[in-house]
Amino acid sequence: MTFKAKNSDSETVAFRKPYNSETSIFKRSHFCYDTPGAVYRDQILDILTLEELLKVLPKEIITPRTVLLRLNQTLYLSGLARVDLLQVPVSSSPSEHM
């Protein structure tokens, strides 16, 4: 968003105002904050060797996928992580879009 204001010399100056996540245009949005260079103790990239990193890092755009897990099923992610579905709070059925 670009805004215009007058400075002390009565000159019109254009500037960009940072967005406010509470405005209606952003209210229903979701955000992902990238922290390049930040090092976290639990991140997997620091545990893997260069050879392992070259095998697991994507070389092209990742296509989103939907997976339907049943109770007590496991989903393995590239042999690096797993998701176990151990408990479901209520019985649910897939949406009409699945």
PDB file of N, CA and C in Angstrom:
ATOM      1  N   MET A   1       0.834  -1.164   0.000  1.00  0.00           N
ATOM      2  CA  MET A   1       0.000   0.000   0.000  1.00  0.00           C
ATOM      3  C   MET A   1       0.886   1.236   0.000  1.00  0.00           C
ATOM      4  N   THR A   2       0.633   2.129  -0.906  1.00  0.00           N
ATOM      5  CA  THR A   2       1.403   3.361  -0.991  1.00  0.00           C
ATOM      6  C   THR A   2       0.546   4.517  -0.500  1.00  0.00           C
ATOM      7  N   PHE A   3       1.136   5.352   0.323  1.00  0.00           N
ATOM      8  CA  PHE A   3       0.442   6.510   0.869  1.00  0.00           C
ATOM      9  C   PHE A   3       1.240   7.753   0.546  1.00  0.00           C
ATOM     10  N   LYS A   4       0.552   8.890   0.505  1.00  0.00           N
ATOM     11  CA  LYS A   4       1.218  10.161   0.255  1.00  0.00           C
ATOM     12  C   LYS A   4       1.018  11.057   1.469  1.00  0.00           C
ATOM     13  N   ALA A   5       2.049  11.820   1.784  1.00  0.00           N
ATOM     14  CA  ALA A   5       1.977  12.758   2.903  1.00  0.00           C
ATOM     15  C   ALA A   5       2.812  13.976   2.549  1.00  0.00           C
ATOM     16  N   LYS A   6       2.582  15.052   3.243  1.00  0.00           N
ATOM     17  CA  LYS A   6       3.367  16.270   3.019  1.00  0.00           C
ATOM     18  C   LYS A   6       4.381  16.380   4.138  1.00  0.00           C
ATOM     19  N   ASN A   7       5.618  16.706   3.750  1.00  0.00           N
ATOM     20  CA  ASN A   7       6.649  16.887   4.763  1.00  0.00           C
ATOM     21  C   ASN A   7       6.644  18.335   5.247  1.00  0.00           C
ATOM     22  N   SER A   8       7.621  18.707   6.069  1.00  0.00           N
ATOM     23  CA  SER A   8       7.651  20.052   6.656  1.00  0.00           C
ATOM     24  C   SER A   8       7.814  21.153   5.610  1.00  0.00           C
ATOM     25  N   ASP A   9       8.347  20.830   4.436  1.00  0.00           N
ATOM     26  CA  ASP A   9       8.512  21.816   3.362  1.00  0.00           C
ATOM     27  C   ASP A   9       7.317  21.821   2.420  1.00  0.00           C
ATOM     28  N   SER A  10       6.218  21.209   2.816  1.00  0.00           N
ATOM     29  CA  SER A  10       4.986  21.100   2.021  1.00  0.00           C
ATOM     30  C   SER A  10       5.183  20.344   0.715  1.00  0.00           C
ATOM     31  N   GLU A  11       6.181  19.489   0.668  1.00  0.00           N
ATOM     32  CA  GLU A  11       6.386  18.630  -0.500  1.00  0.00           C
ATOM     33  C   GLU A  11       5.610  17.334  -0.272  1.00  0.00           C
ATOM     34  N   THR A  12       5.023  16.822  -1.336  1.00  0.00           N
ATOM     35  CA  THR A  12       4.303  15.556  -1.232  1.00  0.00           C
ATOM     36  C   THR A  12       5.301  14.412  -1.352  1.00  0.00           C
ATOM     37  N   VAL A  13       5.281  13.548  -0.383  1.00  0.00           N
ATOM     38  CA  VAL A  13       6.207  12.419  -0.341  1.00  0.00           C
ATOM     39  C   VAL A  13       5.386  11.134  -0.316  1.00  0.00           C
ATOM     40  N   ALA A  14       5.732  10.194  -1.190  1.00  0.00           N
ATOM     41  CA  ALA A  14       5.053   8.891  -1.210  1.00  0.00           C
ATOM     42  C   ALA A  14       5.863   7.903  -0.380  1.00  0.00           C
ATOM     43  N   PHE A  15       5.186   7.107   0.391  1.00  0.00           N
ATOM     44  CA  PHE A  15       5.871   6.071   1.171  1.00  0.00           C
ATOM     45  C   PHE A  15       4.963   4.866   1.303  1.00  0.00           C
ATOM     46  N   ARG A  16       5.590   3.736   1.571  1.00  0.00           N
ATOM     47  CA  ARG A  16       4.829   2.495   1.750  1.00  0.00           C
ATOM     48  C   ARG A  16       4.608   2.271   3.236  1.00  0.00           C
ATOM     49  N   LYS A  17       3.363   2.039   3.576  1.00  0.00           N
ATOM     50  CA  LYS A  17       3.018   1.744   4.964  1.00  0.00           C
ATOM     51  C   LYS A  17       2.962   0.229   5.127  1.00  0.00           C
ATOM     52  N   PRO A  18       3.581  -0.303   6.172  1.00  0.00           N
ATOM     53  CA  PRO A  18       3.507  -1.755   6.370  1.00  0.00           C
ATOM     54  C   PRO A  18       2.057  -2.185   6.583  1.00  0.00           C
ATOM     55  N   TYR A  19       1.751  -3.379   6.155  1.00  0.00           N
ATOM     56  CA  TYR A  19       0.378  -3.854   6.279  1.00  0.00           C
ATOM     57  C   TYR A  19       0.042  -4.158   7.731  1.00  0.00           C
ATOM     58  N   ASN A  20      -1.216  -4.122   8.018  1.00  0.00           N
ATOM     59  CA  ASN A  20      -1.730  -4.464   9.334  1.00  0.00           C
ATOM     60  C   ASN A  20      -2.511  -5.763   9.185  1.00  0.00           C
ATOM     61  N   SER A  21      -2.086  -6.819   9.840  1.00  0.00           N
ATOM     62  CA  SER A  21      -2.722  -8.129   9.686  1.00  0.00           C
ATOM     63  C   SER A  21      -4.148  -8.159  10.224  1.00  0.00           C
ATOM     64  N   GLU A  22      -4.567  -7.124  10.927  1.00  0.00           N
ATOM     65  CA  GLU A  22      -5.924  -7.070  11.472  1.00  0.00           C
ATOM     66  C   GLU A  22      -6.924  -6.434  10.509  1.00  0.00           C
ATOM     67  N   THR A  23      -6.463  -5.875   9.389  1.00  0.00           N
ATOM     68  CA  THR A  23      -7.394  -5.271   8.443  1.00  0.00           C
ATOM     69  C   THR A  23      -8.182  -6.365   7.730  1.00  0.00           C
ATOM     70  N   SER A  24      -9.335  -5.993   7.187  1.00  0.00           N
ATOM     71  CA  SER A  24     -10.236  -6.988   6.597  1.00  0.00           C
ATOM     72  C   SER A  24      -9.604  -7.757   5.440  1.00  0.00           C
ATOM     73  N   ILE A  25      -8.726  -7.122   4.686  1.00  0.00           N
ATOM     74  CA  ILE A  25      -8.117  -7.807   3.539  1.00  0.00           C
ATOM     75  C   ILE A  25      -7.213  -8.963   3.983  1.00  0.00           C
ATOM     76  N   PHE A  26      -6.640  -8.863   5.185  1.00  0.00           N
ATOM     77  CA  PHE A  26      -5.734  -9.903   5.678  1.00  0.00           C
ATOM     78  C   PHE A  26      -6.354 -10.766   6.772  1.00  0.00           C
ATOM     79  N   LYS A  27      -7.527 -10.425   7.244  1.00  0.00           N
ATOM     80  CA  LYS A  27      -8.121 -11.067   8.417  1.00  0.00           C
ATOM     81  C   LYS A  27      -8.249 -12.584   8.272  1.00  0.00           C
ATOM     82  N   ARG A  28      -8.637 -13.059   7.098  1.00  0.00           N
ATOM     83  CA  ARG A  28      -8.852 -14.499   6.905  1.00  0.00           C
ATOM     84  C   ARG A  28      -7.646 -15.181   6.271  1.00  0.00           C
ATOM     85  N   SER A  29      -6.523 -14.519   6.229  1.00  0.00           N
ATOM     86  CA  SER A  29      -5.318 -15.072   5.600  1.00  0.00           C
ATOM     87  C   SER A  29      -4.470 -15.819   6.617  1.00  0.00           C
ATOM     88  N   HIS A  30      -3.527 -16.579   6.100  1.00  0.00           N
ATOM     89  CA  HIS A  30      -2.558 -17.284   6.935  1.00  0.00           C
ATOM     90  C   HIS A  30      -1.170 -16.835   6.509  1.00  0.00           C
ATOM     91  N   PHE A  31      -0.239 -16.810   7.432  1.00  0.00           N
ATOM     92  CA  PHE A  31       1.091 -16.317   7.136  1.00  0.00           C
ATOM     93  C   PHE A  31       2.142 -17.323   7.561  1.00  0.00           C
ATOM     94  N   CYS A  32       3.210 -17.361   6.820  1.00  0.00           N
ATOM     95  CA  CYS A  32       4.377 -18.163   7.165  1.00  0.00           C
ATOM     96  C   CYS A  32       5.551 -17.199   7.238  1.00  0.00           C
ATOM     97  N   TYR A  33       6.211 -17.135   8.362  1.00  0.00           N
ATOM     98  CA  TYR A  33       7.321 -16.214   8.533  1.00  0.00           C
ATOM     99  C   TYR A  33       8.629 -16.958   8.312  1.00  0.00           C
ATOM    100  N   ASP A  34       9.361 -16.538   7.318  1.00  0.00           N
ATOM    101  CA  ASP A  34      10.645 -17.150   7.000  1.00  0.00           C
ATOM    102  C   ASP A  34      11.716 -16.491   7.856  1.00  0.00           C
ATOM    103  N   THR A  35      12.583 -17.300   8.427  1.00  0.00           N
ATOM    104  CA  THR A  35      13.677 -16.768   9.235  1.00  0.00           C
ATOM    105  C   THR A  35      14.993 -17.295   8.681  1.00  0.00           C
ATOM    106  N   PRO A  36      15.417 -16.790   7.514  1.00  0.00           N
ATOM    107  CA  PRO A  36      16.644 -17.306   6.900  1.00  0.00           C
ATOM    108  C   PRO A  36      17.853 -17.064   7.799  1.00  0.00           C
ATOM    109  N   GLY A  37      18.666 -18.074   7.907  1.00  0.00           N
ATOM    110  CA  GLY A  37      19.875 -17.954   8.706  1.00  0.00           C
ATOM    111  C   GLY A  37      19.677 -18.248  10.178  1.00  0.00           C
ATOM    112  N   ALA A  38      18.444 -18.340  10.625  1.00  0.00           N
ATOM    113  CA  ALA A  38      18.200 -18.648  12.030  1.00  0.00           C
ATOM    114  C   ALA A  38      18.526 -20.118  12.278  1.00  0.00           C
ATOM    115  N   VAL A  39      19.242 -20.374  13.337  1.00  0.00           N
ATOM    116  CA  VAL A  39      19.642 -21.742  13.660  1.00  0.00           C
ATOM    117  C   VAL A  39      18.873 -22.188  14.900  1.00  0.00           C
ATOM    118  N   TYR A  40      18.222 -23.323  14.778  1.00  0.00           N
ATOM    119  CA  TYR A  40      17.468 -23.884  15.890  1.00  0.00           C
ATOM    120  C   TYR A  40      18.063 -25.234  16.264  1.00  0.00           C
ATOM    121  N   ARG A  41      18.082 -25.508  17.533  1.00  0.00           N
ATOM    122  CA  ARG A  41      18.698 -26.724  18.052  1.00  0.00           C
ATOM    123  C   ARG A  41      18.070 -27.981  17.468  1.00  0.00           C
ATOM    124  N   ASP A  42      16.777 -27.957  17.195  1.00  0.00           N
ATOM    125  CA  ASP A  42      16.065 -29.154  16.759  1.00  0.00           C
ATOM    126  C   ASP A  42      15.898 -29.284  15.251  1.00  0.00           C
ATOM    127  N   GLN A  43      16.474 -28.392  14.468  1.00  0.00           N
ATOM    128  CA  GLN A  43      16.249 -28.489  13.027  1.00  0.00           C
ATOM    129  C   GLN A  43      17.058 -29.635  12.432  1.00  0.00           C
ATOM    130  N   ILE A  44      16.432 -30.328  11.507  1.00  0.00           N
ATOM    131  CA  ILE A  44      17.015 -31.543  10.949  1.00  0.00           C
ATOM    132  C   ILE A  44      18.179 -31.258  10.002  1.00  0.00           C
ATOM    133  N   LEU A  45      18.207 -30.072   9.412  1.00  0.00           N
ATOM    134  CA  LEU A  45      19.269 -29.760   8.453  1.00  0.00           C
ATOM    135  C   LEU A  45      20.655 -29.798   9.086  1.00  0.00           C
ATOM    136  N   ASP A  46      20.744 -29.535  10.383  1.00  0.00           N
ATOM    137  CA  ASP A  46      22.042 -29.567  11.060  1.00  0.00           C
ATOM    138  C   ASP A  46      22.477 -30.981  11.426  1.00  0.00           C
ATOM    139  N   ILE A  47      21.564 -31.934  11.355  1.00  0.00           N
ATOM    140  CA  ILE A  47      21.871 -33.316  11.724  1.00  0.00           C
ATOM    141  C   ILE A  47      22.353 -34.113  10.515  1.00  0.00           C
ATOM    142  N   LEU A  48      21.845 -33.783   9.327  1.00  0.00           N
ATOM    143  CA  LEU A  48      22.155 -34.545   8.114  1.00  0.00           C
ATOM    144  C   LEU A  48      23.508 -34.171   7.526  1.00  0.00           C
ATOM    145  N   THR A  49      24.125 -35.145   6.879  1.00  0.00           N
ATOM    146  CA  THR A  49      25.372 -34.887   6.158  1.00  0.00           C
ATOM    147  C   THR A  49      25.043 -34.217   4.828  1.00  0.00           C
ATOM    148  N   LEU A  50      26.054 -33.699   4.152  1.00  0.00           N
ATOM    149  CA  LEU A  50      25.839 -33.062   2.855  1.00  0.00           C
ATOM    150  C   LEU A  50      25.235 -34.049   1.864  1.00  0.00           C
ATOM    151  N   GLU A  51      25.721 -35.278   1.864  1.00  0.00           N
ATOM    152  CA  GLU A  51      25.193 -36.307   0.961  1.00  0.00           C
ATOM    153  C   GLU A  51      23.708 -36.572   1.240  1.00  0.00           C
ATOM    154  N   GLU A  52      23.341 -36.637   2.518  1.00  0.00           N
ATOM    155  CA  GLU A  52      21.940 -36.861   2.884  1.00  0.00           C
ATOM    156  C   GLU A  52      21.070 -35.661   2.504  1.00  0.00           C
ATOM    157  N   LEU A  53      21.600 -34.458   2.706  1.00  0.00           N
ATOM    158  CA  LEU A  53      20.855 -33.251   2.329  1.00  0.00           C
ATOM    159  C   LEU A  53      20.560 -33.227   0.840  1.00  0.00           C
ATOM    160  N   LEU A  54      21.533 -33.593   0.031  1.00  0.00           N
ATOM    161  CA  LEU A  54      21.340 -33.598  -1.419  1.00  0.00           C
ATOM    162  C   LEU A  54      20.267 -34.600  -1.832  1.00  0.00           C
ATOM    163  N   LYS A  55      20.105 -35.664  -1.057  1.00  0.00           N
ATOM    164  CA  LYS A  55      19.083 -36.667  -1.371  1.00  0.00           C
ATOM    165  C   LYS A  55      17.683 -36.226  -0.954  1.00  0.00           C
ATOM    166  N   VAL A  56      17.565 -35.506   0.154  1.00  0.00           N
ATOM    167  CA  VAL A  56      16.234 -35.213   0.690  1.00  0.00           C
ATOM    168  C   VAL A  56      15.682 -33.833   0.332  1.00  0.00           C
ATOM    169  N   LEU A  57      16.537 -32.878   0.006  1.00  0.00           N
ATOM    170  CA  LEU A  57      16.023 -31.550  -0.340  1.00  0.00           C
ATOM    171  C   LEU A  57      15.376 -31.587  -1.718  1.00  0.00           C
ATOM    172  N   PRO A  58      14.230 -30.946  -1.878  1.00  0.00           N
ATOM    173  CA  PRO A  58      13.521 -30.996  -3.162  1.00  0.00           C
ATOM    174  C   PRO A  58      14.303 -30.301  -4.270  1.00  0.00           C
ATOM    175  N   LYS A  59      14.214 -30.859  -5.454  1.00  0.00           N
ATOM    176  CA  LYS A  59      14.892 -30.283  -6.616  1.00  0.00           C
ATOM    177  C   LYS A  59      13.900 -29.567  -7.528  1.00  0.00           C
ATOM    178  N   GLU A  60      12.608 -29.700  -7.235  1.00  0.00           N
ATOM    179  CA  GLU A  60      11.568 -29.002  -7.990  1.00  0.00           C
ATOM    180  C   GLU A  60      10.431 -28.662  -7.038  1.00  0.00           C
ATOM    181  N   ILE A  61       9.433 -27.980  -7.543  1.00  0.00           N
ATOM    182  CA  ILE A  61       8.313 -27.553  -6.708  1.00  0.00           C
ATOM    183  C   ILE A  61       7.589 -28.774  -6.136  1.00  0.00           C
ATOM    184  N   ILE A  62       7.278 -28.704  -4.853  1.00  0.00           N
ATOM    185  CA  ILE A  62       6.580 -29.797  -4.179  1.00  0.00           C
ATOM    186  C   ILE A  62       5.081 -29.665  -4.437  1.00  0.00           C
ATOM    187  N   THR A  63       4.470 -30.741  -4.895  1.00  0.00           N
ATOM    188  CA  THR A  63       3.029 -30.762  -5.139  1.00  0.00           C
ATOM    189  C   THR A  63       2.311 -31.120  -3.843  1.00  0.00           C
ATOM    190  N   PRO A  64       1.382 -30.272  -3.395  1.00  0.00           N
ATOM    191  CA  PRO A  64       0.639 -30.606  -2.170  1.00  0.00           C
ATOM    192  C   PRO A  64      -0.182 -31.882  -2.358  1.00  0.00           C
ATOM    193  N   ARG A  65      -0.247 -32.689  -1.308  1.00  0.00           N
ATOM    194  CA  ARG A  65      -1.017 -33.930  -1.358  1.00  0.00           C
ATOM    195  C   ARG A  65      -1.879 -34.036  -0.112  1.00  0.00           C
ATOM    196  N   THR A  66      -3.006 -34.683  -0.260  1.00  0.00           N
ATOM    197  CA  THR A  66      -3.890 -34.953   0.868  1.00  0.00           C
ATOM    198  C   THR A  66      -3.794 -36.434   1.192  1.00  0.00           C
ATOM    199  N   VAL A  67      -3.646 -36.734   2.469  1.00  0.00           N
ATOM    200  CA  VAL A  67      -3.530 -38.122   2.908  1.00  0.00           C
ATOM    201  C   VAL A  67      -4.611 -38.379   3.946  1.00  0.00           C
ATOM    202  N   LEU A  68      -5.287 -39.494   3.818  1.00  0.00           N
ATOM    203  CA  LEU A  68      -6.319 -39.881   4.777  1.00  0.00           C
ATOM    204  C   LEU A  68      -5.761 -41.007   5.641  1.00  0.00           C
ATOM    205  N   LEU A  69      -5.572 -40.717   6.923  1.00  0.00           N
ATOM    206  CA  LEU A  69      -5.073 -41.725   7.858  1.00  0.00           C
ATOM    207  C   LEU A  69      -6.216 -42.225   8.723  1.00  0.00           C
ATOM    208  N   ARG A  70      -6.180 -43.507   9.008  1.00  0.00           N
ATOM    209  CA  ARG A  70      -7.131 -44.094   9.953  1.00  0.00           C
ATOM    210  C   ARG A  70      -6.423 -44.248  11.297  1.00  0.00           C
ATOM    211  N   LEU A  71      -7.194 -44.445  12.320  1.00  0.00           N
ATOM    212  CA  LEU A  71      -6.647 -44.598  13.657  1.00  0.00           C
ATOM    213  C   LEU A  71      -5.579 -45.692  13.679  1.00  0.00           C
ATOM    214  N   ASN A  72      -4.468 -45.425  14.326  1.00  0.00           N
ATOM    215  CA  ASN A  72      -3.319 -46.325  14.477  1.00  0.00           C
ATOM    216  C   ASN A  72      -2.547 -46.553  13.181  1.00  0.00           C
ATOM    217  N   GLN A  73      -2.727 -45.705  12.185  1.00  0.00           N
ATOM    218  CA  GLN A  73      -1.909 -45.784  10.974  1.00  0.00           C
ATOM    219  C   GLN A  73      -0.746 -44.808  11.097  1.00  0.00           C
ATOM    220  N   THR A  74       0.303 -45.065  10.300  1.00  0.00           N
ATOM    221  CA  THR A  74       1.505 -44.244  10.314  1.00  0.00           C
ATOM    222  C   THR A  74       1.813 -43.760   8.911  1.00  0.00           C
ATOM    223  N   LEU A  75       2.230 -42.506   8.810  1.00  0.00           N
ATOM    224  CA  LEU A  75       2.674 -41.925   7.546  1.00  0.00           C
ATOM    225  C   LEU A  75       4.155 -41.609   7.684  1.00  0.00           C
ATOM    226  N   TYR A  76       4.987 -42.202   6.817  1.00  0.00           N
ATOM    227  CA  TYR A  76       6.421 -41.929   6.821  1.00  0.00           C
ATOM    228  C   TYR A  76       6.725 -40.835   5.813  1.00  0.00           C
ATOM    229  N   LEU A  77       7.543 -39.882   6.211  1.00  0.00           N
ATOM    230  CA  LEU A  77       7.909 -38.755   5.354  1.00  0.00           C
ATOM    231  C   LEU A  77       9.381 -38.860   4.977  1.00  0.00           C
ATOM    232  N   SER A  78       9.651 -39.314   3.775  1.00  0.00           N
ATOM    233  CA  SER A  78      11.013 -39.417   3.228  1.00  0.00           C
ATOM    234  C   SER A  78      11.963 -40.207   4.107  1.00  0.00           C
ATOM    235  N   GLY A  79      11.450 -41.056   4.952  1.00  0.00           N
ATOM    236  CA  GLY A  79      12.318 -41.820   5.835  1.00  0.00           C
ATOM    237  C   GLY A  79      12.936 -40.977   6.940  1.00  0.00           C
ATOM    238  N   LEU A  80      12.546 -39.707   7.039  1.00  0.00           N
ATOM    239  CA  LEU A  80      13.122 -38.810   8.046  1.00  0.00           C
ATOM    240  C   LEU A  80      12.191 -38.566   9.223  1.00  0.00           C
ATOM    241  N   ALA A  81      10.910 -38.697   8.987  1.00  0.00           N
ATOM    242  CA  ALA A  81       9.936 -38.413  10.041  1.00  0.00           C
ATOM    243  C   ALA A  81       8.732 -39.319   9.851  1.00  0.00           C
ATOM    244  N   ARG A  82       7.944 -39.417  10.895  1.00  0.00           N
ATOM    245  CA  ARG A  82       6.717 -40.187  10.773  1.00  0.00           C
ATOM    246  C   ARG A  82       5.612 -39.495  11.556  1.00  0.00           C
ATOM    247  N   VAL A  83       4.397 -39.702  11.078  1.00  0.00           N
ATOM    248  CA  VAL A  83       3.208 -39.164  11.735  1.00  0.00           C
ATOM    249  C   VAL A  83       2.355 -40.359  12.123  1.00  0.00           C
ATOM    250  N   ASP A  84       2.133 -40.534  13.426  1.00  0.00           N
ATOM    251  CA  ASP A  84       1.296 -41.614  13.940  1.00  0.00           C
ATOM    252  C   ASP A  84      -0.042 -41.028  14.355  1.00  0.00           C
ATOM    253  N   LEU A  85      -1.128 -41.587  13.856  1.00  0.00           N
ATOM    254  CA  LEU A  85      -2.458 -41.152  14.270  1.00  0.00           C
ATOM    255  C   LEU A  85      -2.891 -42.066  15.414  1.00  0.00           C
ATOM    256  N   LEU A  86      -2.750 -41.575  16.630  1.00  0.00           N
ATOM    257  CA  LEU A  86      -3.008 -42.382  17.814  1.00  0.00           C
ATOM    258  C   LEU A  86      -4.377 -42.129  18.424  1.00  0.00           C
ATOM    259  N   GLN A  87      -4.905 -40.934  18.210  1.00  0.00           N
ATOM    260  CA  GLN A  87      -6.165 -40.600  18.850  1.00  0.00           C
ATOM    261  C   GLN A  87      -6.900 -39.577  17.990  1.00  0.00           C
ATOM    262  N   VAL A  88      -8.212 -39.745  17.892  1.00  0.00           N
ATOM    263  CA  VAL A  88      -9.058 -38.801  17.169  1.00  0.00           C
ATOM    264  C   VAL A  88     -10.146 -38.368  18.137  1.00  0.00           C
ATOM    265  N   PRO A  89     -10.316 -37.058  18.357  1.00  0.00           N
ATOM    266  CA  PRO A  89     -11.265 -36.606  19.371  1.00  0.00           C
ATOM    267  C   PRO A  89     -12.722 -36.967  19.079  1.00  0.00           C
ATOM    268  N   VAL A  90     -13.125 -36.922  17.831  1.00  0.00           N
ATOM    269  CA  VAL A  90     -14.494 -37.290  17.452  1.00  0.00           C
ATOM    270  C   VAL A  90     -14.421 -38.072  16.159  1.00  0.00           C
ATOM    271  N   SER A  91     -15.424 -38.895  15.913  1.00  0.00           N
ATOM    272  CA  SER A  91     -15.418 -39.596  14.637  1.00  0.00           C
ATOM    273  C   SER A  91     -15.706 -38.575  13.545  1.00  0.00           C
ATOM    274  N   SER A  92     -14.996 -38.692  12.462  1.00  0.00           N
ATOM    275  CA  SER A  92     -15.160 -37.733  11.376  1.00  0.00           C
ATOM    276  C   SER A  92     -15.158 -38.478  10.060  1.00  0.00           C
ATOM    277  N   SER A  93     -15.700 -37.850   9.060  1.00  0.00           N
ATOM    278  CA  SER A  93     -15.699 -38.440   7.725  1.00  0.00           C
ATOM    279  C   SER A  93     -15.050 -37.453   6.776  1.00  0.00           C
ATOM    280  N   PRO A  94     -14.506 -37.947   5.677  1.00  0.00           N
ATOM    281  CA  PRO A  94     -13.848 -37.048   4.730  1.00  0.00           C
ATOM    282  C   PRO A  94     -14.832 -36.038   4.161  1.00  0.00           C
ATOM    283  N   SER A  95     -14.306 -34.898   3.795  1.00  0.00           N
ATOM    284  CA  SER A  95     -15.163 -33.877   3.195  1.00  0.00           C
ATOM    285  C   SER A  95     -15.553 -34.294   1.785  1.00  0.00           C
ATOM    286  N   GLU A  96     -16.485 -33.593   1.211  1.00  0.00           N
ATOM    287  CA  GLU A  96     -16.949 -33.913  -0.141  1.00  0.00           C
ATOM    288  C   GLU A  96     -15.878 -33.660  -1.194  1.00  0.00           C
ATOM    289  N   HIS A  97     -14.805 -32.952  -0.829  1.00  0.00           N
ATOM    290  CA  HIS A  97     -13.748 -32.621  -1.787  1.00  0.00           C
ATOM    291  C   HIS A  97     -12.674 -33.702  -1.878  1.00  0.00           C
ATOM    292  N   MET A  98     -12.765 -34.721  -1.063  1.00  0.00           N
ATOM    293  CA  MET A  98     -11.733 -35.761  -1.076  1.00  0.00           C
ATOM    294  C   MET A  98     -12.124 -36.886  -1.998  1.00  0.00           C
TER     295      MET A  98
END
